[in-house]
Amino acid sequence: MQWNDWPPDDPALLPGYEAWRGGKLGDAELFFRERAGKQPDCADVWRGLGNVAWSRQDFATALAHFSAALRLAPWNPMHWGNMGLVRRDLGEPQAAISAFRVALGLDPEYAPALNEWANVLFDVGRYAEALPLYDASLAIDNNRAVVHHNKGVCLRYLGRLPEAVRYFRAALMLDPGYRYSLEELQHLQHLGREIDVK
């Protein structure tokens, strides 16, 4: 499973997911709540409600919805990945890492879990341990600007500035308007510390 595997198994749920991805959280919530009444045993309905709550930074509610999805489809690494995400946001790094481990046990090629596991390690200052996980995520899928960016930030914290610049630029090759990498490069230029990387 990769990042682009977000569409639900039931195409009838797609409008709710598209509303969520388009930032129409109220519409998405109404859609999924109505569906929950009709399809209470559908994991993707609860995942949709969890996504909406997570986007609103209502992490306790997101946890409840993602937990419901997980109970219905415990073999799906995406649900474990979502559990890891919300545990990270609730300030529970060990629980987050445990969830990512399960996701990768189910699918060792599930790149999002590797990236998010690395992010948790980064959060707690374990930069050298995070780096190989970013590398592993990029080895599976190197088309996500966010992962190049995340590795760049990790390298910057490790003092490896030329490499960091290279990864910020790689992110911008994939997404020229990627704000976070633009800000990082501007910050390094402002400090007079950017090293030209051909």
Protein backbone atom coordinates (compact mmCIF):
# COMPACT_ATOMS: atom_id res chain seq x y z
CA MET A 1 0.00 0.00 0.00
CA GLN A 2 1.19 3.49 -0.83
CA TRP A 3 -0.01 7.03 -0.26
CA ASN A 4 -2.22 6.85 -3.33
CA ASP A 5 -4.19 3.92 -1.91
CA TRP A 6 -6.45 6.24 0.10
CA PRO A 7 -9.59 5.71 -2.06
CA PRO A 8 -12.15 3.53 -0.26
CA ASP A 9 -13.01 0.04 -1.46
CA ASP A 10 -16.62 1.14 -1.95
CA PRO A 11 -16.72 3.80 -4.72
CA ALA A 12 -19.94 5.16 -3.20
CA LEU A 13 -17.81 6.57 -0.36
CA LEU A 14 -15.57 8.53 -2.71
CA PRO A 15 -17.54 11.81 -2.51
CA GLY A 16 -16.93 11.94 1.24
CA TYR A 17 -13.21 11.36 0.82
CA GLU A 18 -12.99 13.93 -1.95
CA ALA A 19 -14.81 16.48 0.23
CA TRP A 20 -12.33 15.80 3.04
CA ARG A 21 -9.32 16.07 0.74
CA GLY A 22 -10.76 19.30 -0.67
CA GLY A 23 -11.00 20.82 2.83
CA LYS A 24 -14.81 20.67 2.98
CA LEU A 25 -14.77 19.15 6.42
CA GLY A 26 -18.39 19.92 7.29
CA ASP A 27 -19.65 18.29 4.10
CA ALA A 28 -17.38 15.30 4.62
CA GLU A 29 -18.51 14.83 8.21
CA LEU A 30 -22.20 14.96 7.25
CA PHE A 31 -21.57 12.47 4.47
CA PHE A 32 -19.74 9.97 6.70
CA ARG A 33 -22.16 10.36 9.62
CA GLU A 34 -25.06 9.52 7.33
CA ARG A 35 -23.12 6.54 5.98
CA ALA A 36 -22.24 5.36 9.50
CA GLY A 37 -25.96 4.97 10.16
CA LYS A 38 -26.35 2.81 7.05
CA GLN A 39 -23.00 1.00 7.02
CA PRO A 40 -21.83 0.73 10.64
CA ASP A 41 -19.62 -2.24 9.79
CA CYS A 42 -17.68 -0.44 7.04
CA ALA A 43 -14.14 0.41 8.16
CA ASP A 44 -13.74 3.09 5.47
CA VAL A 45 -16.70 5.03 6.89
CA TRP A 46 -14.99 5.23 10.28
CA ARG A 47 -11.65 6.03 8.63
CA GLY A 48 -13.40 8.91 6.86
CA LEU A 49 -14.79 10.25 10.13
CA GLY A 50 -11.36 9.84 11.70
CA ASN A 51 -9.74 11.78 8.87
CA VAL A 52 -12.18 14.66 9.33
CA ALA A 53 -11.58 14.79 13.10
CA TRP A 54 -7.81 14.57 12.59
CA SER A 55 -7.91 17.45 10.09
CA ARG A 56 -9.75 19.49 12.74
CA GLN A 57 -7.04 18.54 15.25
CA ASP A 58 -9.67 16.83 17.38
CA PHE A 59 -7.32 13.98 18.08
CA ALA A 60 -9.36 12.28 20.82
CA THR A 61 -12.31 11.93 18.44
CA ALA A 62 -10.01 10.86 15.62
CA LEU A 63 -8.60 8.14 17.88
CA ALA A 64 -12.09 6.80 18.59
CA HIS A 65 -12.99 6.69 14.89
CA PHE A 66 -9.66 5.22 13.77
CA SER A 67 -10.00 2.60 16.53
CA ALA A 68 -13.43 1.65 15.15
CA ALA A 69 -11.94 1.28 11.65
CA LEU A 70 -9.12 -0.83 13.04
CA ARG A 71 -11.49 -3.19 14.87
CA LEU A 72 -13.34 -3.79 11.60
CA ALA A 73 -10.25 -4.26 9.41
CA PRO A 74 -7.21 -5.06 11.59
CA TRP A 75 -5.30 -6.49 8.61
CA ASN A 76 -5.18 -3.12 6.83
CA PRO A 77 -1.84 -1.32 7.40
CA MET A 78 -3.45 2.06 6.62
CA HIS A 79 -5.60 1.81 9.75
CA TRP A 80 -2.54 1.03 11.85
CA GLY A 81 -0.75 3.94 10.19
CA ASN A 82 -3.62 6.24 11.12
CA MET A 83 -3.45 4.99 14.71
CA GLY A 84 0.23 5.84 14.74
CA LEU A 85 -0.45 9.31 13.38
CA VAL A 86 -3.03 10.15 16.00
CA ARG A 87 -0.96 8.65 18.84
CA ARG A 88 1.91 10.90 17.73
CA ASP A 89 -0.40 13.91 17.84
CA LEU A 90 -1.62 12.88 21.29
CA GLY A 91 1.99 12.94 22.51
CA GLU A 92 2.34 9.17 22.80
CA PRO A 93 5.49 8.39 20.80
CA GLN A 94 5.92 4.79 21.98
CA ALA A 95 2.31 3.91 21.14
CA ALA A 96 2.76 5.59 17.76
CA ILE A 97 5.90 3.56 17.01
CA SER A 98 4.13 0.36 18.05
CA ALA A 99 1.33 1.08 15.59
CA PHE A 100 3.78 1.79 12.77
CA ARG A 101 5.58 -1.48 13.56
CA VAL A 102 2.32 -3.39 13.11
CA ALA A 103 1.56 -1.56 9.85
CA LEU A 104 4.97 -2.55 8.51
CA GLY A 105 4.56 -6.09 9.80
CA LEU A 106 1.44 -6.33 7.65
CA ASP A 107 3.08 -4.63 4.66
CA PRO A 108 6.85 -4.01 4.78
CA GLU A 109 6.46 -1.76 1.69
CA TYR A 110 3.99 0.62 3.38
CA ALA A 111 6.09 3.75 2.86
CA PRO A 112 3.85 6.17 4.84
CA ALA A 113 4.47 4.24 8.07
CA LEU A 114 8.25 4.47 7.59
CA ASN A 115 8.04 8.24 7.06
CA GLU A 116 5.77 8.77 10.06
CA TRP A 117 7.86 6.49 12.30
CA ALA A 118 10.87 8.60 11.34
CA ASN A 119 8.89 11.74 12.21
CA VAL A 120 8.17 10.39 15.70
CA LEU A 121 11.87 9.67 16.25
CA PHE A 122 12.68 13.16 14.98
CA ASP A 123 10.13 14.65 17.42
CA VAL A 124 11.96 13.10 20.36
CA GLY A 125 15.41 14.15 19.13
CA ARG A 126 16.55 10.77 17.80
CA TYR A 127 17.68 12.23 14.47
CA ALA A 128 20.33 9.63 13.60
CA GLU A 129 17.77 6.85 14.11
CA ALA A 130 15.17 8.66 12.01
CA LEU A 131 17.42 9.04 8.98
CA PRO A 132 17.46 5.38 7.81
CA LEU A 133 13.67 5.26 8.06
CA TYR A 134 13.34 8.27 5.75
CA ASP A 135 15.78 6.50 3.42
CA ALA A 136 13.68 3.33 3.52
CA SER A 137 10.51 5.29 2.77
CA LEU A 138 12.18 7.03 -0.18
CA ALA A 139 13.52 3.71 -1.49
CA ILE A 140 9.92 2.49 -1.79
CA ASP A 141 8.38 5.75 -3.05
CA ASN A 142 10.54 8.76 -3.91
CA ASN A 143 7.71 10.81 -5.44
CA ARG A 144 6.55 12.55 -2.26
CA ALA A 145 7.95 16.03 -1.65
CA VAL A 146 7.14 15.78 2.04
CA VAL A 147 9.52 12.84 2.60
CA HIS A 148 12.42 14.57 0.83
CA HIS A 149 11.65 17.63 2.95
CA ASN A 150 11.49 15.65 6.17
CA LYS A 151 14.85 14.04 5.42
CA GLY A 152 16.27 17.49 4.66
CA VAL A 153 15.14 18.81 8.03
CA CYS A 154 16.61 15.78 9.78
CA LEU A 155 19.93 16.31 7.99
CA ARG A 156 19.90 19.97 8.98
CA TYR A 157 19.47 19.03 12.63
CA LEU A 158 22.41 16.65 12.24
CA GLY A 159 24.50 19.55 10.89
CA ARG A 160 24.75 18.05 7.41
CA LEU A 161 23.79 21.24 5.57
CA PRO A 162 24.90 20.48 1.99
CA GLU A 163 22.87 17.26 2.04
CA ALA A 164 19.91 19.04 3.64
CA VAL A 165 19.92 21.62 0.84
CA ARG A 166 19.95 18.82 -1.73
CA TYR A 167 16.84 17.23 -0.21
CA PHE A 168 14.95 20.53 0.06
CA ARG A 169 15.70 21.08 -3.61
CA ALA A 170 14.55 17.54 -4.43
CA ALA A 171 11.24 18.32 -2.68
CA LEU A 172 10.89 21.46 -4.79
CA MET A 173 11.61 19.50 -7.98
CA LEU A 174 8.54 17.40 -7.17
CA ASP A 175 6.43 20.31 -5.91
CA PRO A 176 7.84 23.73 -6.87
CA GLY A 177 5.46 25.51 -4.51
CA TYR A 178 6.19 23.34 -1.48
CA ARG A 179 6.16 26.05 1.15
CA TYR A 180 8.09 24.28 3.88
CA SER A 181 11.14 23.53 1.74
CA LEU A 182 11.07 27.07 0.35
CA GLU A 183 11.08 28.38 3.93
CA GLU A 184 13.97 26.10 4.92
CA LEU A 185 16.11 27.28 1.99
CA GLN A 186 15.27 30.92 2.72
CA HIS A 187 16.20 30.37 6.36
CA LEU A 188 19.56 28.87 5.42
CA GLN A 189 20.24 31.70 2.98
CA HIS A 190 19.30 34.23 5.66
CA LEU A 191 21.83 32.66 7.99
CA GLY A 192 24.38 32.79 5.20
CA ARG A 193 24.86 29.08 5.66
CA GLU A 194 23.48 27.64 2.44
CA ILE A 195 26.13 25.71 0.59
CA ASP A 196 25.69 25.54 -3.16
CA VAL A 197 24.96 21.98 -4.21
CA LYS A 198 25.18 21.18 -7.91
